[in-house]
């Protein structure tokens, strides 16, 4: 259900982008995966969800692999249930899910 919550928010975001963005799922033959890849024009952002209050570096395995195979990807974002924004490398950041649910203004 947590993954579906992020999916709904990302679908709304892609519909608002001009040009419209696209969402994908990514998985290697060996089973490493990323929950969502947002493509907007030539830009990519990868998202991973973890139902954890304390994300760890090991939770970024799929993001690390995706970024290595797609060097043009802008960032990897690990969405979690905690309250802190954390950096896991140069292009990976962990953010609380509430940032996606917050209303602007």
PDB file of N, CA and C in Angstrom:
ATOM      1  N   UNK A   1       0.828  -1.202   0.000  1.00  0.00           N
ATOM      2  CA  UNK A   1       0.000   0.000   0.000  1.00  0.00           C
ATOM      3  C   UNK A   1       0.866   1.256   0.000  1.00  0.00           C
ATOM      4  N   UNK A   2       2.017   1.179   0.688  1.00  0.00           N
ATOM      5  CA  UNK A   2       2.893   2.342   0.748  1.00  0.00           C
ATOM      6  C   UNK A   2       3.406   2.707  -0.647  1.00  0.00           C
ATOM      7  N   UNK A   3       3.774   1.682  -1.416  1.00  0.00           N
ATOM      8  CA  UNK A   3       4.211   1.903  -2.789  1.00  0.00           C
ATOM      9  C   UNK A   3       3.097   2.545  -3.615  1.00  0.00           C
ATOM     10  N   UNK A   4       1.866   2.090  -3.416  1.00  0.00           N
ATOM     11  CA  UNK A   4       0.732   2.640  -4.158  1.00  0.00           C
ATOM     12  C   UNK A   4       0.487   4.105  -3.810  1.00  0.00           C
ATOM     13  N   UNK A   5       0.730   4.484  -2.558  1.00  0.00           N
ATOM     14  CA  UNK A   5       0.595   5.886  -2.159  1.00  0.00           C
ATOM     15  C   UNK A   5       1.542   6.759  -2.977  1.00  0.00           C
ATOM     16  N   UNK A   6       2.786   6.336  -3.088  1.00  0.00           N
ATOM     17  CA  UNK A   6       3.741   7.109  -3.882  1.00  0.00           C
ATOM     18  C   UNK A   6       3.365   7.082  -5.354  1.00  0.00           C
ATOM     19  N   UNK A   7       2.898   5.946  -5.847  1.00  0.00           N
ATOM     20  CA  UNK A   7       2.485   5.840  -7.249  1.00  0.00           C
ATOM     21  C   UNK A   7       1.412   6.868  -7.583  1.00  0.00           C
ATOM     22  N   UNK A   8       0.414   6.999  -6.729  1.00  0.00           N
ATOM     23  CA  UNK A   8      -0.663   7.961  -6.975  1.00  0.00           C
ATOM     24  C   UNK A   8      -0.115   9.388  -7.051  1.00  0.00           C
ATOM     25  N   UNK A   9       0.780   9.732  -6.137  1.00  0.00           N
ATOM     26  CA  UNK A   9       1.368  11.072  -6.139  1.00  0.00           C
ATOM     27  C   UNK A   9       2.240  11.300  -7.372  1.00  0.00           C
ATOM     28  N   UNK A  10       3.014  10.294  -7.755  1.00  0.00           N
ATOM     29  CA  UNK A  10       3.858  10.443  -8.934  1.00  0.00           C
ATOM     30  C   UNK A  10       3.031  10.513 -10.216  1.00  0.00           C
ATOM     31  N   UNK A  11       1.925   9.770 -10.277  1.00  0.00           N
ATOM     32  CA  UNK A  11       1.049   9.856 -11.453  1.00  0.00           C
ATOM     33  C   UNK A  11       0.456  11.249 -11.579  1.00  0.00           C
ATOM     34  N   UNK A  12       0.049  11.832 -10.459  1.00  0.00           N
ATOM     35  CA  UNK A  12      -0.485  13.195 -10.488  1.00  0.00           C
ATOM     36  C   UNK A  12       0.595  14.170 -10.951  1.00  0.00           C
ATOM     37  N   UNK A  13       1.812  13.992 -10.452  1.00  0.00           N
ATOM     38  CA  UNK A  13       2.918  14.865 -10.849  1.00  0.00           C
ATOM     39  C   UNK A  13       3.204  14.756 -12.337  1.00  0.00           C
ATOM     40  N   UNK A  14       3.259  13.535 -12.862  1.00  0.00           N
ATOM     41  CA  UNK A  14       3.572  13.362 -14.283  1.00  0.00           C
ATOM     42  C   UNK A  14       2.502  13.996 -15.166  1.00  0.00           C
ATOM     43  N   UNK A  15       1.262  13.983 -14.717  1.00  0.00           N
ATOM     44  CA  UNK A  15       0.185  14.592 -15.484  1.00  0.00           C
ATOM     45  C   UNK A  15       0.290  16.116 -15.513  1.00  0.00           C
ATOM     46  N   UNK A  16       0.920  16.688 -14.487  1.00  0.00           N
ATOM     47  CA  UNK A  16       1.065  18.146 -14.409  1.00  0.00           C
ATOM     48  C   UNK A  16       2.272  18.679 -15.170  1.00  0.00           C
ATOM     49  N   UNK A  17       3.230  17.810 -15.455  1.00  0.00           N
ATOM     50  CA  UNK A  17       4.443  18.242 -16.149  1.00  0.00           C
ATOM     51  C   UNK A  17       4.153  18.548 -17.611  1.00  0.00           C
ATOM     52  N   UNK A  18       4.882  19.527 -18.135  1.00  0.00           N
ATOM     53  CA  UNK A  18       4.792  19.845 -19.553  1.00  0.00           C
ATOM     54  C   UNK A  18       6.174  19.737 -20.157  1.00  0.00           C
ATOM     55  N   UNK A  19       6.428  18.871 -21.100  1.00  0.00           N
ATOM     56  CA  UNK A  19       5.502  17.860 -21.594  1.00  0.00           C
ATOM     57  C   UNK A  19       5.214  16.823 -20.497  1.00  0.00           C
ATOM     58  N   UNK A  20       4.152  16.093 -20.677  1.00  0.00           N
ATOM     59  CA  UNK A  20       3.736  15.093 -19.697  1.00  0.00           C
ATOM     60  C   UNK A  20       4.853  14.081 -19.464  1.00  0.00           C
ATOM     61  N   UNK A  21       5.069  13.734 -18.209  1.00  0.00           N
ATOM     62  CA  UNK A  21       6.079  12.746 -17.870  1.00  0.00           C
ATOM     63  C   UNK A  21       5.537  11.333 -18.007  1.00  0.00           C
ATOM     64  N   UNK A  22       6.440  10.362 -17.885  1.00  0.00           N
ATOM     65  CA  UNK A  22       6.052   8.949 -17.944  1.00  0.00           C
ATOM     66  C   UNK A  22       6.671   8.223 -16.757  1.00  0.00           C
ATOM     67  N   UNK A  23       5.959   7.225 -16.250  1.00  0.00           N
ATOM     68  CA  UNK A  23       6.447   6.412 -15.142  1.00  0.00           C
ATOM     69  C   UNK A  23       6.747   4.996 -15.623  1.00  0.00           C
ATOM     70  N   UNK A  24       7.855   4.457 -15.130  1.00  0.00           N
ATOM     71  CA  UNK A  24       8.250   3.101 -15.476  1.00  0.00           C
ATOM     72  C   UNK A  24       8.671   2.359 -14.221  1.00  0.00           C
ATOM     73  N   UNK A  25       8.764   1.053 -14.356  1.00  0.00           N
ATOM     74  CA  UNK A  25       9.328   0.158 -13.358  1.00  0.00           C
ATOM     75  C   UNK A  25      10.614  -0.372 -13.965  1.00  0.00           C
ATOM     76  N   UNK A  26      11.659  -0.581 -13.148  1.00  0.00           N
ATOM     77  CA  UNK A  26      12.928  -1.059 -13.679  1.00  0.00           C
ATOM     78  C   UNK A  26      13.420  -2.245 -12.870  1.00  0.00           C
ATOM     79  N   UNK A  27      13.872  -3.287 -13.597  1.00  0.00           N
ATOM     80  CA  UNK A  27      14.386  -4.488 -12.933  1.00  0.00           C
ATOM     81  C   UNK A  27      15.443  -5.137 -13.811  1.00  0.00           C
ATOM     82  N   UNK A  28      16.530  -5.594 -13.178  1.00  0.00           N
ATOM     83  CA  UNK A  28      17.577  -6.297 -13.916  1.00  0.00           C
ATOM     84  C   UNK A  28      17.239  -7.787 -13.989  1.00  0.00           C
ATOM     85  N   UNK A  29      17.958  -8.498 -14.820  1.00  0.00           N
ATOM     86  CA  UNK A  29      17.780  -9.942 -14.936  1.00  0.00           C
ATOM     87  C   UNK A  29      18.074 -10.610 -13.595  1.00  0.00           C
ATOM     88  N   UNK A  30      19.018 -10.049 -12.840  1.00  0.00           N
ATOM     89  CA  UNK A  30      19.395 -10.635 -11.546  1.00  0.00           C
ATOM     90  C   UNK A  30      18.425 -10.271 -10.419  1.00  0.00           C
ATOM     91  N   UNK A  31      17.421  -9.435 -10.710  1.00  0.00           N
ATOM     92  CA  UNK A  31      16.385  -9.131  -9.729  1.00  0.00           C
ATOM     93  C   UNK A  31      16.535  -7.818  -8.984  1.00  0.00           C
ATOM     94  N   UNK A  32      17.583  -7.040  -9.279  1.00  0.00           N
ATOM     95  CA  UNK A  32      17.720  -5.718  -8.666  1.00  0.00           C
ATOM     96  C   UNK A  32      16.677  -4.811  -9.310  1.00  0.00           C
ATOM     97  N   UNK A  33      15.972  -4.033  -8.486  1.00  0.00           N
ATOM     98  CA  UNK A  33      14.877  -3.235  -9.043  1.00  0.00           C
ATOM     99  C   UNK A  33      14.793  -1.850  -8.422  1.00  0.00           C
ATOM    100  N   UNK A  34      14.083  -0.990  -9.156  1.00  0.00           N
ATOM    101  CA  UNK A  34      13.711   0.345  -8.697  1.00  0.00           C
ATOM    102  C   UNK A  34      12.199   0.427  -8.874  1.00  0.00           C
ATOM    103  N   UNK A  35      11.505   0.932  -7.845  1.00  0.00           N
ATOM    104  CA  UNK A  35      10.044   0.942  -7.886  1.00  0.00           C
ATOM    105  C   UNK A  35       9.474   1.805  -9.010  1.00  0.00           C
ATOM    106  N   UNK A  36      10.037   3.006  -9.179  1.00  0.00           N
ATOM    107  CA  UNK A  36       9.515   3.920 -10.206  1.00  0.00           C
ATOM    108  C   UNK A  36      10.650   4.705 -10.839  1.00  0.00           C
ATOM    109  N   UNK A  37      10.545   4.896 -12.149  1.00  0.00           N
ATOM    110  CA  UNK A  37      11.450   5.788 -12.866  1.00  0.00           C
ATOM    111  C   UNK A  37      10.571   6.814 -13.554  1.00  0.00           C
ATOM    112  N   UNK A  38      10.803   8.067 -13.227  1.00  0.00           N
ATOM    113  CA  UNK A  38      10.062   9.171 -13.850  1.00  0.00           C
ATOM    114  C   UNK A  38      10.902   9.695 -14.999  1.00  0.00           C
ATOM    115  N   UNK A  39      10.335   9.654 -16.198  1.00  0.00           N
ATOM    116  CA  UNK A  39      11.000  10.195 -17.377  1.00  0.00           C
ATOM    117  C   UNK A  39      10.271  11.464 -17.787  1.00  0.00           C
ATOM    118  N   UNK A  40      11.038  12.527 -17.924  1.00  0.00           N
ATOM    119  CA  UNK A  40      10.464  13.809 -18.339  1.00  0.00           C
ATOM    120  C   UNK A  40      11.375  14.387 -19.400  1.00  0.00           C
ATOM    121  N   UNK A  41      10.932  14.280 -20.643  1.00  0.00           N
ATOM    122  CA  UNK A  41      11.812  14.660 -21.745  1.00  0.00           C
ATOM    123  C   UNK A  41      13.021  13.739 -21.739  1.00  0.00           C
ATOM    124  N   UNK A  42      14.214  14.317 -21.597  1.00  0.00           N
ATOM    125  CA  UNK A  42      15.445  13.519 -21.522  1.00  0.00           C
ATOM    126  C   UNK A  42      15.914  13.319 -20.088  1.00  0.00           C
ATOM    127  N   UNK A  43      15.125  13.759 -19.126  1.00  0.00           N
ATOM    128  CA  UNK A  43      15.514  13.650 -17.722  1.00  0.00           C
ATOM    129  C   UNK A  43      14.891  12.425 -17.073  1.00  0.00           C
ATOM    130  N   UNK A  44      15.671  11.787 -16.191  1.00  0.00           N
ATOM    131  CA  UNK A  44      15.211  10.631 -15.431  1.00  0.00           C
ATOM    132  C   UNK A  44      15.431  10.877 -13.949  1.00  0.00           C
ATOM    133  N   UNK A  45      14.477  10.431 -13.134  1.00  0.00           N
ATOM    134  CA  UNK A  45      14.618  10.403 -11.682  1.00  0.00           C
ATOM    135  C   UNK A  45      14.091   9.044 -11.225  1.00  0.00           C
ATOM    136  N   UNK A  46      14.892   8.351 -10.408  1.00  0.00           N
ATOM    137  CA  UNK A  46      14.512   7.025  -9.926  1.00  0.00           C
ATOM    138  C   UNK A  46      14.004   7.117  -8.491  1.00  0.00           C
ATOM    139  N   UNK A  47      12.954   6.350  -8.179  1.00  0.00           N
ATOM    140  CA  UNK A  47      12.346   6.356  -6.848  1.00  0.00           C
ATOM    141  C   UNK A  47      12.292   4.941  -6.292  1.00  0.00           C
ATOM    142  N   UNK A  48      12.640   4.819  -5.038  1.00  0.00           N
ATOM    143  CA  UNK A  48      12.518   3.561  -4.314  1.00  0.00           C
ATOM    144  C   UNK A  48      11.728   3.850  -3.042  1.00  0.00           C
ATOM    145  N   UNK A  49      10.813   2.965  -2.674  1.00  0.00           N
ATOM    146  CA  UNK A  49      10.041   3.140  -1.441  1.00  0.00           C
ATOM    147  C   UNK A  49      10.474   2.097  -0.421  1.00  0.00           C
ATOM    148  N   UNK A  50      10.578   2.536   0.823  1.00  0.00           N
ATOM    149  CA  UNK A  50      10.906   1.630   1.924  1.00  0.00           C
ATOM    150  C   UNK A  50      10.019   1.969   3.112  1.00  0.00           C
ATOM    151  N   UNK A  51       9.313   0.981   3.578  1.00  0.00           N
ATOM    152  CA  UNK A  51       8.424   1.144   4.727  1.00  0.00           C
ATOM    153  C   UNK A  51       9.269   1.041   5.993  1.00  0.00           C
ATOM    154  N   UNK A  52      10.102   2.051   6.178  1.00  0.00           N
ATOM    155  CA  UNK A  52      11.040   2.074   7.289  1.00  0.00           C
ATOM    156  C   UNK A  52      11.141   3.494   7.824  1.00  0.00           C
ATOM    157  N   UNK A  53      11.312   3.615   9.127  1.00  0.00           N
ATOM    158  CA  UNK A  53      11.516   4.925   9.736  1.00  0.00           C
ATOM    159  C   UNK A  53      12.996   5.295   9.752  1.00  0.00           C
ATOM    160  N   UNK A  54      13.859   4.300   9.526  1.00  0.00           N
ATOM    161  CA  UNK A  54      15.312   4.501   9.574  1.00  0.00           C
ATOM    162  C   UNK A  54      15.967   3.906   8.336  1.00  0.00           C
ATOM    163  N   UNK A  55      15.911   4.608   7.208  1.00  0.00           N
ATOM    164  CA  UNK A  55      16.514   4.061   5.994  1.00  0.00           C
ATOM    165  C   UNK A  55      18.026   3.906   6.155  1.00  0.00           C
ATOM    166  N   UNK A  56      18.559   2.890   5.515  1.00  0.00           N
ATOM    167  CA  UNK A  56      19.982   2.571   5.572  1.00  0.00           C
ATOM    168  C   UNK A  56      20.550   2.555   4.145  1.00  0.00           C
ATOM    169  N   UNK A  57      21.865   2.596   4.077  1.00  0.00           N
ATOM    170  CA  UNK A  57      22.510   2.578   2.772  1.00  0.00           C
ATOM    171  C   UNK A  57      22.123   1.331   1.974  1.00  0.00           C
ATOM    172  N   UNK A  58      21.962   0.194   2.641  1.00  0.00           N
ATOM    173  CA  UNK A  58      21.610  -1.041   1.927  1.00  0.00           C
ATOM    174  C   UNK A  58      20.249  -0.926   1.226  1.00  0.00           C
ATOM    175  N   UNK A  59      19.396  -0.004   1.685  1.00  0.00           N
ATOM    176  CA  UNK A  59      18.092   0.208   1.057  1.00  0.00           C
ATOM    177  C   UNK A  59      18.211   0.881  -0.311  1.00  0.00           C
ATOM    178  N   UNK A  60      19.393   1.386  -0.623  1.00  0.00           N
ATOM    179  CA  UNK A  60      19.598   2.110  -1.885  1.00  0.00           C
ATOM    180  C   UNK A  60      20.192   1.228  -2.979  1.00  0.00           C
ATOM    181  N   UNK A  61      20.279  -0.073  -2.741  1.00  0.00           N
ATOM    182  CA  UNK A  61      20.923  -0.994  -3.687  1.00  0.00           C
ATOM    183  C   UNK A  61      20.398  -0.826  -5.120  1.00  0.00           C
ATOM    184  N   UNK A  62      19.087  -0.817  -5.273  1.00  0.00           N
ATOM    185  CA  UNK A  62      18.503  -0.668  -6.607  1.00  0.00           C
ATOM    186  C   UNK A  62      18.810   0.690  -7.213  1.00  0.00           C
ATOM    187  N   UNK A  63      18.769   1.732  -6.402  1.00  0.00           N
ATOM    188  CA  UNK A  63      19.072   3.084  -6.898  1.00  0.00           C
ATOM    189  C   UNK A  63      20.528   3.183  -7.348  1.00  0.00           C
ATOM    190  N   UNK A  64      21.437   2.614  -6.561  1.00  0.00           N
ATOM    191  CA  UNK A  64      22.860   2.634  -6.915  1.00  0.00           C
ATOM    192  C   UNK A  64      23.076   1.940  -8.258  1.00  0.00           C
ATOM    193  N   UNK A  65      22.466   0.791  -8.436  1.00  0.00           N
ATOM    194  CA  UNK A  65      22.607   0.038  -9.692  1.00  0.00           C
ATOM    195  C   UNK A  65      22.008   0.813 -10.871  1.00  0.00           C
ATOM    196  N   UNK A  66      20.832   1.391 -10.661  1.00  0.00           N
ATOM    197  CA  UNK A  66      20.182   2.150 -11.734  1.00  0.00           C
ATOM    198  C   UNK A  66      21.037   3.345 -12.138  1.00  0.00           C
ATOM    199  N   UNK A  67      21.537   4.085 -11.145  1.00  0.00           N
ATOM    200  CA  UNK A  67      22.365   5.263 -11.438  1.00  0.00           C
ATOM    201  C   UNK A  67      23.651   4.869 -12.159  1.00  0.00           C
ATOM    202  N   UNK A  68      24.219   3.720 -11.816  1.00  0.00           N
ATOM    203  CA  UNK A  68      25.428   3.253 -12.495  1.00  0.00           C
ATOM    204  C   UNK A  68      25.145   2.917 -13.961  1.00  0.00           C
ATOM    205  N   UNK A  69      23.986   2.335 -14.215  1.00  0.00           N
ATOM    206  CA  UNK A  69      23.639   1.950 -15.581  1.00  0.00           C
ATOM    207  C   UNK A  69      23.032   3.095 -16.396  1.00  0.00           C
ATOM    208  N   UNK A  70      22.590   4.151 -15.701  1.00  0.00           N
ATOM    209  CA  UNK A  70      21.979   5.306 -16.370  1.00  0.00           C
ATOM    210  C   UNK A  70      22.625   6.591 -15.842  1.00  0.00           C
ATOM    211  N   UNK A  71      23.849   6.876 -16.283  1.00  0.00           N
ATOM    212  CA  UNK A  71      24.567   8.040 -15.754  1.00  0.00           C
ATOM    213  C   UNK A  71      23.879   9.375 -16.051  1.00  0.00           C
ATOM    214  N   UNK A  72      22.950   9.378 -16.985  1.00  0.00           N
ATOM    215  CA  UNK A  72      22.207  10.604 -17.287  1.00  0.00           C
ATOM    216  C   UNK A  72      21.050  10.844 -16.319  1.00  0.00           C
ATOM    217  N   UNK A  73      20.801   9.909 -15.403  1.00  0.00           N
ATOM    218  CA  UNK A  73      19.729  10.061 -14.416  1.00  0.00           C
ATOM    219  C   UNK A  73      20.104  11.180 -13.444  1.00  0.00           C
ATOM    220  N   UNK A  74      19.172  12.077 -13.182  1.00  0.00           N
ATOM    221  CA  UNK A  74      19.437  13.232 -12.321  1.00  0.00           C
ATOM    222  C   UNK A  74      19.632  12.843 -10.864  1.00  0.00           C
ATOM    223  N   UNK A  75      18.818  11.910 -10.358  1.00  0.00           N
ATOM    224  CA  UNK A  75      18.887  11.569  -8.934  1.00  0.00           C
ATOM    225  C   UNK A  75      18.149  10.283  -8.647  1.00  0.00           C
ATOM    226  N   UNK A  76      18.493   9.706  -7.507  1.00  0.00           N
ATOM    227  CA  UNK A  76      17.760   8.589  -6.943  1.00  0.00           C
ATOM    228  C   UNK A  76      17.142   9.055  -5.640  1.00  0.00           C
ATOM    229  N   UNK A  77      15.861   8.796  -5.458  1.00  0.00           N
ATOM    230  CA  UNK A  77      15.151   9.257  -4.269  1.00  0.00           C
ATOM    231  C   UNK A  77      14.569   8.048  -3.544  1.00  0.00           C
ATOM    232  N   UNK A  78      14.955   7.899  -2.293  1.00  0.00           N
ATOM    233  CA  UNK A  78      14.441   6.847  -1.430  1.00  0.00           C
ATOM    234  C   UNK A  78      13.365   7.469  -0.547  1.00  0.00           C
ATOM    235  N   UNK A  79      12.132   7.047  -0.741  1.00  0.00           N
ATOM    236  CA  UNK A  79      11.002   7.590   0.028  1.00  0.00           C
ATOM    237  C   UNK A  79      10.752   6.644   1.201  1.00  0.00           C
ATOM    238  N   UNK A  80      10.719   7.210   2.412  1.00  0.00           N
ATOM    239  CA  UNK A  80      10.610   6.381   3.613  1.00  0.00           C
ATOM    240  C   UNK A  80       9.583   6.959   4.584  1.00  0.00           C
ATOM    241  N   UNK A  81       9.364   6.264   5.699  1.00  0.00           N
ATOM    242  CA  UNK A  81       8.347   6.662   6.680  1.00  0.00           C
ATOM    243  C   UNK A  81       8.913   7.471   7.850  1.00  0.00           C
ATOM    244  N   UNK A  82      10.180   7.757   7.825  1.00  0.00           N
ATOM    245  CA  UNK A  82      10.792   8.535   8.898  1.00  0.00           C
ATOM    246  C   UNK A  82      10.511  10.024   8.756  1.00  0.00           C
ATOM    247  N   UNK A  83      11.311  10.813   9.448  1.00  0.00           N
ATOM    248  CA  UNK A  83      11.101  12.266   9.447  1.00  0.00           C
ATOM    249  C   UNK A  83      12.294  13.053   8.932  1.00  0.00           C
ATOM    250  N   UNK A  84      13.416  12.376   8.664  1.00  0.00           N
ATOM    251  CA  UNK A  84      14.628  13.072   8.274  1.00  0.00           C
ATOM    252  C   UNK A  84      14.911  12.972   6.784  1.00  0.00           C
ATOM    253  N   UNK A  85      15.532  14.019   6.251  1.00  0.00           N
ATOM    254  CA  UNK A  85      16.090  13.983   4.905  1.00  0.00           C
ATOM    255  C   UNK A  85      17.547  13.575   5.070  1.00  0.00           C
ATOM    256  N   UNK A  86      17.946  12.523   4.352  1.00  0.00           N
ATOM    257  CA  UNK A  86      19.303  11.970   4.474  1.00  0.00           C
ATOM    258  C   UNK A  86      19.948  11.845   3.109  1.00  0.00           C
ATOM    259  N   UNK A  87      21.261  12.049   3.059  1.00  0.00           N
ATOM    260  CA  UNK A  87      22.016  11.843   1.818  1.00  0.00           C
ATOM    261  C   UNK A  87      22.721  10.501   1.858  1.00  0.00           C
ATOM    262  N   UNK A  88      22.609   9.769   0.756  1.00  0.00           N
ATOM    263  CA  UNK A  88      23.304   8.494   0.598  1.00  0.00           C
ATOM    264  C   UNK A  88      24.117   8.560  -0.693  1.00  0.00           C
ATOM    265  N   UNK A  89      25.121   9.360  -0.707  1.00  0.00           N
ATOM    266  CA  UNK A  89      25.941   9.510  -1.899  1.00  0.00           C
ATOM    267  C   UNK A  89      25.621  10.804  -2.622  1.00  0.00           C
ATOM    268  N   UNK A  90      26.347  10.979  -3.711  1.00  0.00           N
ATOM    269  CA  UNK A  90      26.260  12.230  -4.456  1.00  0.00           C
ATOM    270  C   UNK A  90      24.883  12.474  -5.084  1.00  0.00           C
ATOM    271  N   UNK A  91      24.242  11.411  -5.575  1.00  0.00           N
ATOM    272  CA  UNK A  91      22.965  11.591  -6.280  1.00  0.00           C
ATOM    273  C   UNK A  91      21.804  10.843  -5.655  1.00  0.00           C
ATOM    274  N   UNK A  92      21.947  10.389  -4.414  1.00  0.00           N
ATOM    275  CA  UNK A  92      20.851   9.677  -3.746  1.00  0.00           C
ATOM    276  C   UNK A  92      20.475  10.400  -2.460  1.00  0.00           C
ATOM    277  N   UNK A  93      19.192  10.668  -2.321  1.00  0.00           N
ATOM    278  CA  UNK A  93      18.683  11.316  -1.112  1.00  0.00           C
ATOM    279  C   UNK A  93      17.472  10.534  -0.618  1.00  0.00           C
ATOM    280  N   UNK A  94      17.368  10.412   0.706  1.00  0.00           N
ATOM    281  CA  UNK A  94      16.205   9.759   1.327  1.00  0.00           C
ATOM    282  C   UNK A  94      15.313  10.854   1.889  1.00  0.00           C
ATOM    283  N   UNK A  95      14.032  10.810   1.545  1.00  0.00           N
ATOM    284  CA  UNK A  95      13.097  11.846   1.989  1.00  0.00           C
ATOM    285  C   UNK A  95      11.857  11.211   2.609  1.00  0.00           C
ATOM    286  N   UNK A  96      11.267  11.875   3.609  1.00  0.00           N
ATOM    287  CA  UNK A  96      10.034  11.381   4.208  1.00  0.00           C
ATOM    288  C   UNK A  96       8.884  11.444   3.188  1.00  0.00           C
ATOM    289  N   UNK A  97       7.994  10.475   3.245  1.00  0.00           N
ATOM    290  CA  UNK A  97       6.855  10.429   2.309  1.00  0.00           C
ATOM    291  C   UNK A  97       5.977  11.663   2.429  1.00  0.00           C
ATOM    292  N   UNK A  98       5.963  12.293   3.615  1.00  0.00           N
ATOM    293  CA  UNK A  98       5.113  13.460   3.824  1.00  0.00           C
ATOM    294  C   UNK A  98       5.448  14.598   2.854  1.00  0.00           C
ATOM    295  N   UNK A  99       6.674  14.642   2.347  1.00  0.00           N
ATOM    296  CA  UNK A  99       7.025  15.688   1.389  1.00  0.00           C
ATOM    297  C   UNK A  99       6.217  15.554   0.096  1.00  0.00           C
ATOM    298  N   UNK A 100       5.795  14.331  -0.215  1.00  0.00           N
ATOM    299  CA  UNK A 100       4.980  14.127  -1.410  1.00  0.00           C
ATOM    300  C   UNK A 100       3.501  14.396  -1.143  1.00  0.00           C
ATOM    301  N   UNK A 101       3.096  14.289   0.102  1.00  0.00           N
ATOM    302  CA  UNK A 101       1.686  14.466   0.453  1.00  0.00           C
ATOM    303  C   UNK A 101       1.368  15.901   0.896  1.00  0.00           C
ATOM    304  N   UNK A 102       2.412  16.711   1.125  1.00  0.00           N
ATOM    305  CA  UNK A 102       2.188  18.072   1.606  1.00  0.00           C
ATOM    306  C   UNK A 102       1.546  18.931   0.516  1.00  0.00           C
ATOM    307  N   UNK A 103       0.626  19.763   0.917  1.00  0.00           N
ATOM    308  CA  UNK A 103      -0.008  20.671  -0.039  1.00  0.00           C
ATOM    309  C   UNK A 103       0.820  21.955  -0.114  1.00  0.00           C
ATOM    310  N   UNK A 104       0.956  22.517  -1.327  1.00  0.00           N
ATOM    311  CA  UNK A 104       1.745  23.732  -1.489  1.00  0.00           C
ATOM    312  C   UNK A 104       1.109  24.915  -0.782  1.00  0.00           C
ATOM    313  N   UNK A 105       1.975  25.844  -0.400  1.00  0.00           N
ATOM    314  CA  UNK A 105       1.467  27.093   0.177  1.00  0.00           C
ATOM    315  C   UNK A 105       1.533  27.061   1.618  1.00  0.00           C
TER     316      UNK A 105
END
